[in-house]
Amino acid sequence: MPFDITGTIKEVFEVQTFANDFKKREFLLTTESDKYPQDILFGCLKDKIDLLNALKAGDAVNVHFDISCREWNGKHFVNLNAWKIQSLGASNTNSASGKAVSDVVLDEEPPF
């Protein structure tokens, strides 16, 4: 089941490479919809790591993600895997038309 959340990019981390050339890149999102802001760690896997190349700290985004859980040595780990990120920066303008770009889609593919 896909989910989505809106927030501000707090930090984008470096790409991590594991066995069999598996790649992962994480980013920290700050949400302010509640009384107290929360930092949430998301991950992008394989080809989705390219979604983070255009993002920087302070960017307002809407993140579409899936939740997955795995068991290892009797412990369970939950992962939030982002598969689509939409920029919410209303200050961006299209120079040819002068219109504001309020919803730039960085990726259109559904999760694998």
N, C-alpha and C. Protein backbone atom coordinates (compact mmCIF):
# COMPACT_ATOMS: atom_id res chain seq x y z
N MET A 1 0.84 -1.17 0.00
CA MET A 1 0.00 0.00 0.00
C MET A 1 0.90 1.25 0.00
N PRO A 2 0.72 2.13 -0.98
CA PRO A 2 1.54 3.35 -1.03
C PRO A 2 1.02 4.43 -0.08
N PHE A 3 1.93 5.23 0.41
CA PHE A 3 1.64 6.35 1.30
C PHE A 3 2.30 7.60 0.73
N ASP A 4 1.91 8.78 1.24
CA ASP A 4 2.63 10.00 0.88
C ASP A 4 2.63 10.95 2.08
N ILE A 5 3.64 11.82 2.10
CA ILE A 5 3.81 12.77 3.20
C ILE A 5 4.50 14.01 2.66
N THR A 6 4.18 15.15 3.23
CA THR A 6 4.77 16.42 2.81
C THR A 6 5.68 16.95 3.91
N GLY A 7 6.81 17.50 3.50
CA GLY A 7 7.75 18.06 4.46
C GLY A 7 8.88 18.79 3.78
N THR A 8 9.92 19.07 4.55
CA THR A 8 11.10 19.78 4.06
C THR A 8 12.32 18.89 4.18
N ILE A 9 13.12 18.85 3.13
CA ILE A 9 14.35 18.06 3.15
C ILE A 9 15.30 18.67 4.19
N LYS A 10 15.73 17.85 5.13
CA LYS A 10 16.68 18.32 6.14
C LYS A 10 18.10 17.98 5.73
N GLU A 11 18.29 16.76 5.17
CA GLU A 11 19.63 16.34 4.75
C GLU A 11 19.51 15.20 3.76
N VAL A 12 20.41 15.19 2.76
CA VAL A 12 20.50 14.10 1.80
C VAL A 12 21.86 13.45 2.02
N PHE A 13 21.86 12.14 2.27
CA PHE A 13 23.10 11.43 2.58
C PHE A 13 23.73 10.85 1.32
N GLU A 14 24.97 10.40 1.45
CA GLU A 14 25.72 9.82 0.34
C GLU A 14 25.16 8.44 -0.03
N VAL A 15 25.47 8.01 -1.24
CA VAL A 15 25.07 6.69 -1.73
C VAL A 15 25.84 5.61 -0.98
N GLN A 16 25.14 4.57 -0.56
CA GLN A 16 25.77 3.41 0.08
C GLN A 16 25.72 2.24 -0.90
N THR A 17 26.85 1.55 -1.08
CA THR A 17 26.90 0.40 -1.97
C THR A 17 27.17 -0.84 -1.15
N PHE A 18 26.38 -1.89 -1.41
CA PHE A 18 26.48 -3.15 -0.67
C PHE A 18 26.87 -4.28 -1.63
N ALA A 19 26.83 -5.51 -1.15
CA ALA A 19 27.17 -6.68 -1.95
C ALA A 19 26.31 -6.73 -3.22
N ASN A 20 26.86 -7.32 -4.26
CA ASN A 20 26.17 -7.47 -5.55
C ASN A 20 25.80 -6.12 -6.17
N ASP A 21 26.56 -5.05 -5.85
CA ASP A 21 26.37 -3.71 -6.39
C ASP A 21 24.99 -3.13 -6.07
N PHE A 22 24.39 -3.56 -4.96
CA PHE A 22 23.11 -3.01 -4.49
C PHE A 22 23.36 -1.63 -3.91
N LYS A 23 22.58 -0.63 -4.33
CA LYS A 23 22.79 0.75 -3.88
C LYS A 23 21.58 1.28 -3.14
N LYS A 24 21.87 2.12 -2.15
CA LYS A 24 20.84 2.75 -1.33
C LYS A 24 21.29 4.16 -0.99
N ARG A 25 20.33 5.09 -0.98
CA ARG A 25 20.62 6.46 -0.57
C ARG A 25 19.48 6.93 0.32
N GLU A 26 19.83 7.54 1.44
CA GLU A 26 18.83 7.95 2.40
C GLU A 26 18.74 9.48 2.48
N PHE A 27 17.58 9.95 2.95
CA PHE A 27 17.41 11.38 3.19
C PHE A 27 16.50 11.56 4.39
N LEU A 28 16.68 12.70 5.04
CA LEU A 28 15.92 13.04 6.24
C LEU A 28 14.89 14.11 5.87
N LEU A 29 13.63 13.83 6.20
CA LEU A 29 12.53 14.75 5.92
C LEU A 29 11.96 15.26 7.23
N THR A 30 11.74 16.57 7.33
CA THR A 30 11.13 17.16 8.53
C THR A 30 9.68 17.49 8.20
N THR A 31 8.76 16.93 8.99
CA THR A 31 7.34 17.23 8.81
C THR A 31 6.92 18.22 9.88
N GLU A 32 6.00 19.08 9.53
CA GLU A 32 5.53 20.09 10.47
C GLU A 32 4.02 20.10 10.58
N SER A 33 3.38 18.99 10.22
CA SER A 33 1.93 18.93 10.25
C SER A 33 1.38 18.77 11.67
N ASP A 34 2.19 18.27 12.57
CA ASP A 34 1.77 18.11 13.95
C ASP A 34 2.27 19.29 14.80
N LYS A 35 1.96 19.24 16.09
CA LYS A 35 2.39 20.28 17.01
C LYS A 35 3.91 20.36 17.09
N TYR A 36 4.56 19.18 17.08
CA TYR A 36 6.02 19.12 17.16
C TYR A 36 6.57 18.55 15.86
N PRO A 37 7.50 19.27 15.20
CA PRO A 37 8.09 18.76 13.97
C PRO A 37 8.79 17.42 14.20
N GLN A 38 8.70 16.54 13.22
CA GLN A 38 9.32 15.22 13.30
C GLN A 38 10.29 15.04 12.15
N ASP A 39 11.45 14.42 12.41
CA ASP A 39 12.39 14.03 11.38
C ASP A 39 12.16 12.56 11.06
N ILE A 40 12.01 12.26 9.76
CA ILE A 40 11.74 10.89 9.32
C ILE A 40 12.79 10.51 8.29
N LEU A 41 13.39 9.33 8.46
CA LEU A 41 14.42 8.84 7.55
C LEU A 41 13.78 7.98 6.46
N PHE A 42 14.01 8.35 5.20
CA PHE A 42 13.54 7.60 4.04
C PHE A 42 14.73 7.06 3.28
N GLY A 43 14.50 6.01 2.51
CA GLY A 43 15.55 5.46 1.66
C GLY A 43 15.07 5.34 0.23
N CYS A 44 16.00 5.49 -0.70
CA CYS A 44 15.75 5.25 -2.11
C CYS A 44 16.66 4.09 -2.51
N LEU A 45 16.08 3.11 -3.19
CA LEU A 45 16.82 1.91 -3.56
C LEU A 45 17.08 1.85 -5.06
N LYS A 46 18.20 1.23 -5.41
CA LYS A 46 18.59 0.95 -6.80
C LYS A 46 18.50 2.19 -7.67
N ASP A 47 17.68 2.15 -8.73
CA ASP A 47 17.61 3.26 -9.68
C ASP A 47 16.90 4.48 -9.13
N LYS A 48 16.21 4.37 -8.00
CA LYS A 48 15.49 5.49 -7.41
C LYS A 48 16.42 6.47 -6.68
N ILE A 49 17.69 6.10 -6.49
CA ILE A 49 18.62 7.02 -5.83
C ILE A 49 18.82 8.30 -6.63
N ASP A 50 18.58 8.24 -7.94
CA ASP A 50 18.73 9.42 -8.78
C ASP A 50 17.68 10.48 -8.47
N LEU A 51 16.60 10.11 -7.80
CA LEU A 51 15.57 11.09 -7.42
C LEU A 51 16.14 12.18 -6.51
N LEU A 52 17.19 11.84 -5.78
CA LEU A 52 17.74 12.77 -4.79
C LEU A 52 18.79 13.71 -5.36
N ASN A 53 19.21 13.51 -6.60
CA ASN A 53 20.27 14.34 -7.18
C ASN A 53 19.88 15.81 -7.28
N ALA A 54 18.62 16.09 -7.53
CA ALA A 54 18.18 17.48 -7.71
C ALA A 54 17.72 18.13 -6.41
N LEU A 55 17.75 17.40 -5.30
CA LEU A 55 17.23 17.93 -4.04
C LEU A 55 18.35 18.40 -3.12
N LYS A 56 18.00 19.40 -2.30
CA LYS A 56 18.96 19.91 -1.32
C LYS A 56 18.20 20.28 -0.05
N ALA A 57 18.93 20.49 1.02
CA ALA A 57 18.32 20.87 2.29
C ALA A 57 17.48 22.13 2.11
N GLY A 58 16.29 22.12 2.69
CA GLY A 58 15.39 23.25 2.61
C GLY A 58 14.31 23.14 1.55
N ASP A 59 14.43 22.16 0.64
CA ASP A 59 13.41 21.98 -0.41
C ASP A 59 12.14 21.39 0.18
N ALA A 60 11.00 21.97 -0.16
CA ALA A 60 9.70 21.43 0.25
C ALA A 60 9.28 20.38 -0.78
N VAL A 61 8.90 19.19 -0.31
CA VAL A 61 8.58 18.08 -1.20
C VAL A 61 7.40 17.27 -0.68
N ASN A 62 6.81 16.51 -1.59
CA ASN A 62 5.81 15.50 -1.24
C ASN A 62 6.43 14.17 -1.62
N VAL A 63 6.58 13.27 -0.66
CA VAL A 63 7.25 11.98 -0.86
C VAL A 63 6.21 10.87 -0.90
N HIS A 64 6.25 10.07 -1.97
CA HIS A 64 5.42 8.87 -2.09
C HIS A 64 6.31 7.69 -1.72
N PHE A 65 5.82 6.82 -0.84
CA PHE A 65 6.68 5.76 -0.33
C PHE A 65 5.87 4.52 0.04
N ASP A 66 6.59 3.42 0.22
CA ASP A 66 6.03 2.16 0.70
C ASP A 66 6.71 1.83 2.02
N ILE A 67 6.01 1.08 2.84
CA ILE A 67 6.57 0.61 4.11
C ILE A 67 6.86 -0.87 3.98
N SER A 68 8.07 -1.27 4.35
CA SER A 68 8.41 -2.68 4.34
C SER A 68 9.06 -3.06 5.67
N CYS A 69 8.94 -4.32 6.03
CA CYS A 69 9.51 -4.81 7.29
C CYS A 69 10.23 -6.12 7.00
N ARG A 70 11.35 -6.31 7.66
CA ARG A 70 12.09 -7.57 7.52
C ARG A 70 12.58 -8.01 8.89
N GLU A 71 12.73 -9.31 9.01
CA GLU A 71 13.21 -9.89 10.27
C GLU A 71 14.66 -10.33 10.09
N TRP A 72 15.48 -10.06 11.11
CA TRP A 72 16.87 -10.51 11.10
C TRP A 72 17.28 -10.80 12.54
N ASN A 73 17.68 -12.02 12.77
CA ASN A 73 18.11 -12.46 14.10
C ASN A 73 17.07 -12.17 15.19
N GLY A 74 15.82 -12.42 14.86
CA GLY A 74 14.76 -12.24 15.84
C GLY A 74 14.31 -10.82 16.06
N LYS A 75 14.88 -9.86 15.32
CA LYS A 75 14.48 -8.46 15.42
C LYS A 75 13.85 -8.04 14.10
N HIS A 76 12.93 -7.10 14.18
CA HIS A 76 12.25 -6.61 12.99
C HIS A 76 12.67 -5.17 12.69
N PHE A 77 12.90 -4.90 11.40
CA PHE A 77 13.34 -3.59 10.95
C PHE A 77 12.34 -3.05 9.92
N VAL A 78 11.91 -1.82 10.10
CA VAL A 78 10.96 -1.17 9.20
C VAL A 78 11.71 -0.19 8.31
N ASN A 79 11.41 -0.23 7.02
CA ASN A 79 12.02 0.68 6.06
C ASN A 79 10.95 1.49 5.35
N LEU A 80 11.22 2.76 5.12
CA LEU A 80 10.35 3.63 4.34
C LEU A 80 11.05 3.88 3.01
N ASN A 81 10.55 3.26 1.95
CA ASN A 81 11.19 3.30 0.64
C ASN A 81 10.48 4.29 -0.28
N ALA A 82 11.13 5.42 -0.57
CA ALA A 82 10.57 6.43 -1.46
C ALA A 82 10.69 5.98 -2.91
N TRP A 83 9.63 6.18 -3.69
CA TRP A 83 9.67 5.83 -5.11
C TRP A 83 9.24 6.97 -6.01
N LYS A 84 8.76 8.07 -5.42
CA LYS A 84 8.39 9.26 -6.19
C LYS A 84 8.52 10.47 -5.26
N ILE A 85 9.12 11.55 -5.77
CA ILE A 85 9.29 12.76 -4.98
C ILE A 85 8.85 13.94 -5.83
N GLN A 86 7.91 14.73 -5.32
CA GLN A 86 7.42 15.90 -6.03
C GLN A 86 7.89 17.16 -5.31
N SER A 87 8.48 18.07 -6.06
CA SER A 87 8.90 19.35 -5.50
C SER A 87 7.69 20.24 -5.31
N LEU A 88 7.63 20.95 -4.19
CA LEU A 88 6.52 21.84 -3.90
C LEU A 88 6.93 23.30 -3.91
N GLY A 89 8.09 23.59 -4.45
CA GLY A 89 8.62 24.95 -4.46
C GLY A 89 7.82 25.88 -5.35
N ALA A 90 6.94 26.69 -4.79
CA ALA A 90 6.11 27.61 -5.57
C ALA A 90 6.90 28.81 -6.08
N SER A 91 8.13 28.98 -5.60
CA SER A 91 8.92 30.13 -6.03
C SER A 91 9.60 29.88 -7.38
N ASN A 92 9.61 28.63 -7.85
CA ASN A 92 10.19 28.32 -9.16
C ASN A 92 9.27 28.85 -10.24
N THR A 93 9.84 29.46 -11.29
CA THR A 93 9.03 29.95 -12.39
C THR A 93 9.55 29.42 -13.70
N ASN A 94 8.67 29.29 -14.66
CA ASN A 94 9.03 28.89 -16.00
C ASN A 94 9.38 30.16 -16.76
N SER A 95 10.62 30.34 -17.17
CA SER A 95 11.05 31.60 -17.76
C SER A 95 10.36 31.89 -19.09
N ALA A 96 9.97 30.88 -19.83
CA ALA A 96 9.33 31.10 -21.12
C ALA A 96 7.91 31.63 -20.96
N SER A 97 7.16 31.10 -20.00
CA SER A 97 5.77 31.51 -19.85
C SER A 97 5.54 32.43 -18.66
N GLY A 98 6.48 32.47 -17.71
CA GLY A 98 6.31 33.28 -16.52
C GLY A 98 5.38 32.66 -15.50
N LYS A 99 4.92 31.45 -15.75
CA LYS A 99 4.01 30.77 -14.84
C LYS A 99 4.79 30.08 -13.74
N ALA A 100 4.20 30.02 -12.57
CA ALA A 100 4.84 29.33 -11.44
C ALA A 100 4.73 27.84 -11.62
N VAL A 101 5.79 27.14 -11.31
CA VAL A 101 5.80 25.69 -11.34
C VAL A 101 5.66 25.23 -9.91
N SER A 102 4.48 24.73 -9.55
CA SER A 102 4.24 24.38 -8.16
C SER A 102 4.29 22.88 -7.91
N ASP A 103 4.36 22.09 -8.98
CA ASP A 103 4.34 20.64 -8.79
C ASP A 103 5.20 19.97 -9.84
N VAL A 104 6.49 19.93 -9.62
CA VAL A 104 7.42 19.32 -10.55
C VAL A 104 7.61 17.87 -10.15
N VAL A 105 7.26 16.95 -11.04
CA VAL A 105 7.38 15.53 -10.77
C VAL A 105 8.79 15.10 -11.14
N LEU A 106 9.51 14.51 -10.18
CA LEU A 106 10.88 14.07 -10.42
C LEU A 106 10.93 12.64 -10.90
N ASP A 107 9.85 11.88 -10.74
CA ASP A 107 9.83 10.50 -11.19
C ASP A 107 8.38 10.07 -11.33
N GLU A 108 8.08 9.29 -12.36
CA GLU A 108 6.70 8.86 -12.61
C GLU A 108 6.50 7.38 -12.39
N GLU A 109 7.55 6.60 -12.22
CA GLU A 109 7.41 5.16 -12.15
C GLU A 109 6.88 4.70 -10.80
N PRO A 110 6.01 3.68 -10.82
CA PRO A 110 5.55 3.10 -9.55
C PRO A 110 6.65 2.26 -8.93
N PRO A 111 6.47 1.85 -7.68
CA PRO A 111 7.51 1.05 -7.03
C PRO A 111 7.69 -0.29 -7.71
N PHE A 112 8.85 -0.88 -7.56
CA PHE A 112 9.14 -2.17 -8.19
C PHE A 112 8.46 -3.29 -7.47
